[in-house]
Protein backbone atom coordinates (compact mmCIF):
# COMPACT_ATOMS: atom_id res chain seq x y z
CA MET A 1 20.20 6.64 20.71
CA LYS A 2 18.05 7.80 17.75
CA ASN A 3 18.91 11.45 16.47
CA ILE A 4 15.71 13.50 15.81
CA ALA A 5 15.56 16.13 13.50
CA ILE A 6 11.96 17.91 13.60
CA LEU A 7 10.00 19.80 10.24
CA GLY A 8 7.58 22.18 11.40
CA SER A 9 8.65 21.79 15.13
CA THR A 10 6.03 24.62 16.42
CA GLY A 11 3.40 22.83 15.12
CA SER A 12 0.81 20.74 16.43
CA ILE A 13 2.47 17.34 15.39
CA GLY A 14 5.54 18.97 16.15
CA ARG A 15 5.19 19.87 19.60
CA ASN A 16 3.65 16.75 20.28
CA ALA A 17 6.52 15.24 19.27
CA LEU A 18 8.72 16.71 21.78
CA GLU A 19 6.47 15.83 24.24
CA VAL A 20 6.94 11.96 23.68
CA ILE A 21 10.98 12.81 23.07
CA ALA A 22 11.23 14.20 26.29
CA LYS A 23 10.05 11.63 28.16
CA PHE A 24 12.14 9.43 26.60
CA PRO A 25 15.42 11.47 26.58
CA ASP A 26 18.12 8.03 27.14
CA ARG A 27 16.16 6.72 23.88
CA PHE A 28 15.84 10.26 21.45
CA ARG A 29 17.92 13.32 21.05
CA VAL A 30 16.86 16.25 19.05
CA ILE A 31 19.55 17.44 16.44
CA GLY A 32 17.48 19.82 14.15
CA LEU A 33 14.44 21.66 14.34
CA THR A 34 12.70 24.30 11.64
CA ALA A 35 9.88 26.59 12.06
CA TRP A 36 8.40 28.83 9.89
CA ASN A 37 7.44 32.03 11.72
CA ASN A 38 6.80 30.97 15.16
CA SER A 39 10.31 32.06 16.50
CA ALA A 40 9.07 32.75 20.00
CA LEU A 41 8.33 29.18 20.50
CA LEU A 42 11.53 28.01 18.17
CA GLN A 43 13.77 30.15 20.67
CA ALA A 44 12.27 28.36 23.72
CA GLN A 45 12.66 24.97 21.97
CA ILE A 46 15.79 26.01 21.53
CA ILE A 47 16.84 26.22 25.33
CA ARG A 48 15.02 23.72 25.95
CA PHE A 49 16.49 20.37 23.53
CA ARG A 50 19.61 21.97 22.62
CA PRO A 51 19.53 21.34 19.01
CA ARG A 52 22.94 21.28 16.80
CA VAL A 53 20.83 22.76 13.79
CA VAL A 54 17.99 25.07 13.35
CA ALA A 55 15.78 26.85 10.40
CA ILE A 56 13.06 29.51 10.28
CA ALA A 57 11.44 30.13 7.33
CA ASP A 58 11.82 34.25 7.30
CA ASN A 59 15.34 35.58 6.64
CA CYS A 60 14.32 38.78 9.14
CA LEU A 61 13.28 36.51 11.94
CA SER A 62 16.41 34.32 11.93
CA SER A 63 18.14 37.20 12.30
CA GLU A 64 16.00 38.24 15.57
CA LEU A 65 16.18 34.70 16.71
CA HIS A 66 20.05 34.97 16.40
CA ASP A 67 19.83 37.98 18.50
CA ASN A 68 17.75 36.78 21.19
CA LEU A 69 19.81 33.99 21.53
CA SER A 70 23.09 35.54 22.13
CA GLY A 71 22.83 35.76 26.12
CA HIS A 72 21.77 32.57 26.51
CA ASP A 73 24.47 29.86 26.96
CA TYR A 74 23.75 28.28 24.18
CA ARG A 75 23.13 28.92 20.29
CA PRO A 76 22.70 26.44 17.56
CA GLU A 77 23.48 26.97 13.96
CA ILE A 78 20.93 29.11 12.52
CA LEU A 79 19.64 28.46 8.71
CA CYS A 80 16.67 30.71 7.12
CA GLY A 81 14.95 30.38 4.09
CA HIS A 82 13.59 27.09 2.27
CA GLN A 83 17.26 25.86 1.73
CA GLY A 84 17.86 26.11 5.52
CA ILE A 85 14.62 24.29 6.09
CA SER A 86 16.02 21.78 3.32
CA ASP A 87 19.29 21.53 4.95
CA VAL A 88 17.69 20.39 8.15
CA ALA A 89 15.73 17.76 6.71
CA GLY A 90 18.93 16.21 5.00
CA MET A 91 21.50 16.22 8.59
CA PRO A 92 23.45 13.24 8.18
CA GLU A 93 23.26 12.80 11.67
CA ALA A 94 19.73 12.06 12.04
CA ASP A 95 18.05 8.80 12.15
CA ILE A 96 14.71 10.56 11.52
CA VAL A 97 12.76 12.93 10.30
CA ILE A 98 9.40 14.12 11.61
CA SER A 99 8.04 15.84 8.48
CA ALA A 100 5.17 17.66 10.01
CA ILE A 101 5.17 20.77 8.25
CA VAL A 102 1.64 22.04 6.99
CA GLY A 103 0.62 21.72 2.91
CA ALA A 104 2.65 21.86 0.39
CA ALA A 105 5.47 23.55 1.68
CA GLY A 106 6.47 20.43 3.32
CA LEU A 107 6.68 18.39 -0.43
CA GLN A 108 10.53 19.30 -0.87
CA PRO A 109 11.75 19.23 2.46
CA THR A 110 10.43 15.99 3.02
CA LEU A 111 11.88 14.71 -0.60
CA LYS A 112 15.48 15.96 0.68
CA ALA A 113 15.32 13.34 3.27
CA VAL A 114 14.03 10.76 1.68
CA ARG A 115 16.91 11.36 -1.13
CA ALA A 116 18.98 11.18 1.75
CA GLY A 117 18.07 7.58 3.01
CA LYS A 118 16.13 8.66 6.60
CA THR A 119 13.89 7.17 8.07
CA VAL A 120 10.67 9.65 7.45
CA ALA A 121 8.04 9.56 10.21
CA LEU A 122 5.39 11.19 7.29
CA ALA A 123 2.79 13.44 9.18
CA ASN A 124 2.30 15.67 5.81
CA LYS A 125 -0.39 14.13 3.73
CA GLU A 126 -0.01 16.30 1.10
CA THR A 127 3.36 15.30 0.02
CA LEU A 128 2.18 12.05 -1.21
CA VAL A 129 -1.01 14.28 -2.52
CA MET A 130 1.10 16.09 -4.65
CA ALA A 131 3.66 13.77 -5.48
CA GLY A 132 2.67 10.14 -4.86
CA HIS A 133 4.22 8.63 -7.77
CA ILE A 134 7.23 10.28 -7.58
CA PHE A 135 7.89 10.17 -3.79
CA THR A 136 7.17 6.81 -3.25
CA THR A 137 9.79 5.69 -6.46
CA GLU A 138 12.33 8.00 -4.47
CA VAL A 139 11.67 5.95 -1.20
CA ARG A 140 12.50 3.43 -3.57
CA ASN A 141 15.42 4.25 -5.13
CA SER A 142 16.75 5.78 -1.75
CA GLY A 143 16.17 3.10 0.29
CA ALA A 144 14.39 5.14 2.29
CA ARG A 145 11.72 4.59 5.00
CA LEU A 146 8.36 5.71 5.37
CA LEU A 147 6.45 5.55 8.81
CA PRO A 148 3.07 6.75 9.08
CA VAL A 149 1.94 9.38 11.27
CA ASP A 150 -1.70 10.26 10.83
CA SER A 151 -3.32 8.18 13.47
CA GLU A 152 -5.98 6.92 10.40
CA HIS A 153 -2.67 5.65 8.46
CA SER A 154 -0.72 4.56 11.60
CA ALA A 155 -3.76 2.74 12.64
CA LEU A 156 -3.94 1.12 9.32
CA PHE A 157 -0.44 0.17 9.46
CA GLN A 158 -1.01 -1.01 12.63
CA CYS A 159 -3.69 -3.53 11.83
CA MET A 160 -1.94 -4.89 8.29
CA ASN A 161 1.07 -5.77 10.28
CA GLY A 162 1.67 -9.06 9.76
CA ASN A 163 -0.74 -9.37 6.92
CA LYS A 164 -0.60 -10.71 3.47
CA ALA A 165 -1.47 -7.97 0.92
CA ASP A 166 -3.63 -9.87 -1.04
CA SER A 167 -5.52 -11.09 1.95
CA ILE A 168 -6.96 -7.86 2.11
CA ARG A 169 -9.87 -6.82 0.89
CA LYS A 170 -10.19 -2.80 1.73
CA VAL A 171 -9.07 -0.27 4.39
CA ILE A 172 -11.49 2.15 6.12
CA LEU A 173 -10.38 5.01 7.14
CA THR A 174 -12.70 7.05 9.80
CA ALA A 175 -13.26 10.97 10.45
CA SER A 176 -14.61 12.65 13.08
CA GLY A 177 -17.24 14.34 11.15
CA GLY A 178 -15.89 18.00 12.78
CA PRO A 179 -17.84 20.61 14.03
CA PHE A 180 -20.84 20.31 11.80
CA LEU A 181 -21.70 16.86 11.88
CA GLY A 182 -25.70 16.42 10.65
CA ARG A 183 -26.06 20.27 9.68
CA THR A 184 -27.36 20.30 6.39
CA ALA A 185 -25.52 23.14 3.46
CA ARG A 186 -28.07 25.76 4.59
CA ASP A 187 -27.37 25.23 8.15
CA LEU A 188 -23.73 26.44 7.35
CA GLU A 189 -24.25 29.19 5.33
CA HIS A 190 -22.73 31.52 7.33
CA VAL A 191 -20.97 29.84 10.34
CA THR A 192 -17.92 31.39 10.71
CA ALA A 193 -13.98 30.41 11.19
CA ALA A 194 -14.83 30.35 14.80
CA ASP A 195 -17.54 27.85 14.56
CA ALA A 196 -15.25 25.52 12.42
CA LEU A 197 -12.22 25.81 14.61
CA ARG A 198 -14.61 23.98 17.12
CA HIS A 199 -13.25 20.52 16.66
CA PRO A 200 -15.00 18.23 19.53
CA ASN A 201 -12.28 15.92 19.88
CA TRP A 202 -8.60 16.56 18.54
CA GLN A 203 -6.33 20.02 19.49
CA MET A 204 -4.63 20.57 15.78
CA GLY A 205 -3.87 23.67 13.98
CA LYS A 206 -6.42 26.30 12.28
CA LYS A 207 -5.19 24.54 8.28
CA ILE A 208 -6.06 20.85 9.38
CA THR A 209 -8.91 21.91 11.52
CA ILE A 210 -10.77 23.45 8.86
CA ASP A 211 -9.88 20.50 6.46
CA SER A 212 -11.60 18.76 9.35
CA ALA A 213 -14.85 20.01 9.01
CA THR A 214 -15.15 20.25 5.09
CA LEU A 215 -14.24 16.62 5.22
CA MET A 216 -11.39 17.61 2.64
CA ASN A 217 -9.07 16.16 5.73
CA LYS A 218 -9.74 12.79 4.94
CA GLY A 219 -10.12 13.42 1.08
CA LEU A 220 -6.25 13.85 1.47
CA GLU A 221 -5.60 10.42 3.37
CA VAL A 222 -7.87 8.28 0.88
CA ILE A 223 -5.21 9.67 -1.80
CA GLU A 224 -2.60 9.70 1.17
CA ALA A 225 -3.56 5.79 1.58
CA HIS A 226 -3.41 5.06 -1.81
CA TYR A 227 -0.15 5.69 -2.15
CA LEU A 228 1.38 4.44 1.52
CA PHE A 229 -0.38 0.87 1.04
CA ASN A 230 -1.20 0.34 -2.92
CA MET A 231 -4.45 0.53 -3.19
CA PRO A 232 -6.70 1.41 -5.52
CA ALA A 233 -9.46 3.83 -4.39
CA ASP A 234 -12.33 1.75 -5.04
CA ARG A 235 -10.83 -0.46 -1.56
CA ILE A 236 -10.72 2.85 0.80
CA SER A 237 -13.80 3.96 1.97
CA VAL A 238 -14.54 6.43 4.80
CA LEU A 239 -16.95 6.22 7.71
CA VAL A 240 -17.86 8.94 9.94
CA HIS A 241 -17.01 7.93 13.93
CA PRO A 242 -17.81 10.96 15.78
CA GLN A 243 -16.10 9.24 19.21
CA SER A 244 -12.57 9.36 17.18
CA ILE A 245 -11.71 5.98 19.23
CA VAL A 246 -11.45 3.57 16.32
CA HIS A 247 -9.04 5.50 14.05
CA SER A 248 -9.41 2.91 11.12
CA LEU A 249 -10.06 -0.54 10.18
CA VAL A 250 -8.52 -4.00 7.63
CA GLU A 251 -11.64 -5.71 6.09
CA PHE A 252 -9.89 -9.03 5.28
CA LEU A 253 -10.97 -11.09 2.18
CA ASP A 254 -12.83 -13.98 4.72
CA GLY A 255 -15.21 -10.80 5.79
CA SER A 256 -13.11 -10.25 9.25
CA CYS A 257 -11.87 -7.23 10.69
CA LEU A 258 -8.84 -6.11 12.43
CA ALA A 259 -9.44 -2.29 14.08
CA GLN A 260 -6.93 -0.20 15.87
CA LEU A 261 -8.09 2.05 18.93
CA ALA A 262 -6.78 4.22 21.09
CA ASN A 263 -7.91 7.66 22.89
CA PRO A 264 -7.82 11.16 20.34
CA ASP A 265 -4.03 11.84 21.36
CA MET A 266 -1.27 12.44 18.40
CA LYS A 267 0.99 11.42 20.95
CA GLY A 268 0.17 7.94 20.24
CA PRO A 269 0.67 7.62 16.27
CA ILE A 270 4.25 9.56 16.81
CA ALA A 271 5.63 7.53 19.45
CA TYR A 272 5.11 4.18 17.50
CA ALA A 273 6.78 5.72 14.12
CA LEU A 274 9.18 6.93 16.32
CA SER A 275 9.83 3.93 18.13
CA TYR A 276 8.95 1.08 15.83
CA PRO A 277 8.92 -1.48 15.51
CA GLU A 278 8.78 -1.29 19.54
CA ARG A 279 6.05 0.14 21.61
CA LEU A 280 6.81 3.24 24.48
CA GLY A 281 5.59 2.49 27.75
CA ASN A 282 3.09 5.51 29.03
CA VAL A 283 3.05 7.51 25.92
CA MET A 284 -0.78 8.33 26.56
CA GLU A 285 -3.81 7.42 28.11
CA PRO A 286 -4.95 4.03 27.75
CA LEU A 287 -8.84 3.99 27.21
CA ASP A 288 -11.76 3.24 29.94
CA TRP A 289 -13.42 0.77 28.60
CA GLU A 290 -16.15 1.17 31.26
CA LYS A 291 -16.95 4.70 30.37
CA LEU A 292 -17.38 3.78 26.30
CA SER A 293 -21.00 4.01 26.02
CA SER A 294 -21.00 3.54 22.18
CA LEU A 295 -19.13 3.83 19.24
CA THR A 296 -21.45 4.59 16.47
CA PHE A 297 -20.34 5.01 12.68
CA LEU A 298 -22.43 6.84 9.64
CA LYS A 299 -22.02 7.11 6.17
CA PRO A 300 -20.31 10.49 5.11
CA ASP A 301 -22.79 13.27 3.56
CA THR A 302 -21.11 14.06 0.43
CA ASN A 303 -24.01 16.33 -0.67
CA THR A 304 -23.15 18.61 2.08
CA PHE A 305 -19.12 18.38 2.29
CA PRO A 306 -18.17 17.59 -0.91
CA CYS A 307 -14.55 17.94 -0.69
CA LEU A 308 -14.52 14.26 0.20
CA ARG A 309 -15.83 13.06 -3.47
CA LEU A 310 -13.52 15.70 -5.17
CA ALA A 311 -10.76 14.37 -3.40
CA TYR A 312 -11.77 10.63 -4.91
CA GLU A 313 -12.37 12.69 -8.41
CA ALA A 314 -9.27 13.82 -8.42
CA LEU A 315 -6.96 10.58 -7.45
CA LYS A 316 -9.26 8.46 -9.82
CA CYS A 317 -8.47 10.95 -12.50
CA GLY A 318 -4.25 11.44 -11.34
CA GLY A 319 -1.51 12.67 -12.78
CA THR A 320 -1.70 16.36 -11.77
CA MET A 321 -5.11 16.62 -10.96
CA PRO A 322 -4.63 15.88 -7.11
CA SER A 323 -2.11 18.95 -6.83
CA VAL A 324 -4.36 21.09 -7.67
CA LEU A 325 -7.10 19.43 -5.50
CA ASN A 326 -4.21 20.30 -2.36
CA ALA A 327 -3.47 23.82 -4.05
CA ALA A 328 -6.81 25.00 -4.92
CA ASN A 329 -8.05 24.18 -1.22
CA GLU A 330 -5.09 25.44 0.63
CA VAL A 331 -6.14 29.05 -0.99
CA ALA A 332 -9.66 28.30 0.08
CA VAL A 333 -9.16 27.45 3.48
CA HIS A 334 -6.97 30.20 3.90
CA ALA A 335 -9.84 33.20 2.10
CA PHE A 336 -12.45 31.52 4.73
CA LEU A 337 -10.08 31.98 7.98
CA ASN A 338 -9.32 35.21 6.66
CA GLY A 339 -12.92 36.04 6.33
CA ILE A 340 -13.34 36.34 2.62
CA ILE A 341 -15.62 33.97 1.54
CA GLY A 342 -18.16 31.79 2.84
CA PHE A 343 -17.85 28.21 4.62
CA ASN A 344 -20.05 26.39 1.49
CA ALA A 345 -18.06 28.13 -1.19
CA ILE A 346 -14.59 26.23 -0.16
CA PRO A 347 -15.51 23.31 -2.21
CA VAL A 348 -17.23 25.18 -4.96
CA ILE A 349 -13.62 27.16 -5.64
CA ILE A 350 -12.01 23.95 -5.33
CA GLU A 351 -14.16 22.13 -7.93
CA LYS A 352 -14.04 25.10 -10.88
CA THR A 353 -10.10 24.50 -9.80
CA MET A 354 -10.26 21.23 -11.25
CA GLU A 355 -12.66 22.05 -14.18
CA ALA A 356 -10.04 24.74 -15.46
CA HIS A 357 -7.04 22.06 -15.49
CA MET A 358 -6.02 19.64 -18.09
CA PRO A 359 -4.53 16.97 -15.94
CA GLU A 360 -0.79 15.70 -17.09
CA GLU A 361 1.17 13.09 -16.01
CA ALA A 362 2.99 14.13 -13.06
CA ARG A 363 6.51 12.94 -14.34
CA ASP A 364 8.43 15.40 -12.30
CA ILE A 365 9.10 17.51 -9.19
CA ASP A 366 9.22 20.51 -11.39
CA LEU A 367 5.54 19.94 -12.98
CA VAL A 368 4.04 19.56 -9.83
CA ILE A 369 5.68 22.34 -8.27
CA ASN A 370 4.42 24.72 -11.82
CA THR A 371 0.79 22.68 -11.09
CA ASP A 372 0.99 23.91 -7.40
CA GLN A 373 1.48 27.33 -8.53
CA TRP A 374 -0.83 27.14 -11.86
CA ALA A 375 -3.78 25.78 -9.10
CA ARG A 376 -3.54 28.89 -6.48
CA THR A 377 -3.32 31.50 -9.07
CA LYS A 378 -6.28 30.09 -10.36
CA ALA A 379 -8.32 29.54 -7.17
CA ALA A 380 -7.59 33.24 -6.07
CA GLU A 381 -9.12 34.32 -9.47
CA VAL A 382 -11.86 32.34 -9.48
CA ILE A 383 -12.48 33.66 -5.19
CA GLY A 384 -11.71 37.37 -7.15
CA LYS A 385 -14.81 36.45 -9.08
């Protein structure tokens, strides 16, 4: 029996993880849950899974949650704020911590789990984008184990398994292309948030869905792959694959490739991270090969979708620049979702924020966090102009 703590249990990854866990009650037990502000869903998860400790970021919502659970036969310890979330991340009893908080908010709780020596099932790519060198060093020093949950990185992990690193020529991340595949920049001048949130293949949260539409999600995944697999930028490629069946590929020195294929369902990589090195049965629907009419691959259009190019530039620059990229993107996406800026303004804001930054070596977490705050302020200033 493995004890599981989920950081971000009310988000898309968290909900999928709980679905997997519910199918295998003899193998997994939920002992900790955290949420940002969805107290209603967190309450339902508490009643169903009976965790020992929960945390919610908003202090007022923690009081409300406490009151709402007063009439039930089970009530966990309820923590609040960022410290409460970090306390759940470091629970001594947890065998696996699923890091599924969206954005920069996931950095410190995930780092807390690593420093506690946990097996971390990582879905929060921003942790590695912002502080990749610091984070991977902490993993090595603490004896923690990092297992990827992003479908692309899980695919690479599975394809690399059993192969020597020096036999790999490059890795190839696939991207669906999002809802605007084939459009021009002029076509995108007046698209709305509702348009951008209509992803053709995946059901995800709002922020990651917009990132998919801009190709920033793939850019962040390039940086994540760099740190997860110690792979230089020039050996990480991206292909647009509209069907989202091939999740990533590994190309070897002899010219052969290994690819991982599955239906677009996050329960697959979540289950693999939870059960590794085993595989669980009946996690998702298998592919129906007779109905697969075609698998197509295209070069990404970085003229229409420059966010992917900006991510490569941030990775090559290194130091604190990836943190600036991430923070500016979060601010710009939030502004787009709230109707303040247009879709095409997202990469403009990111690029102007990056141009204003003098990168430093990302030597400690305090510097990374200060850089993140500077970039948010700068991006907001750019939007204001």
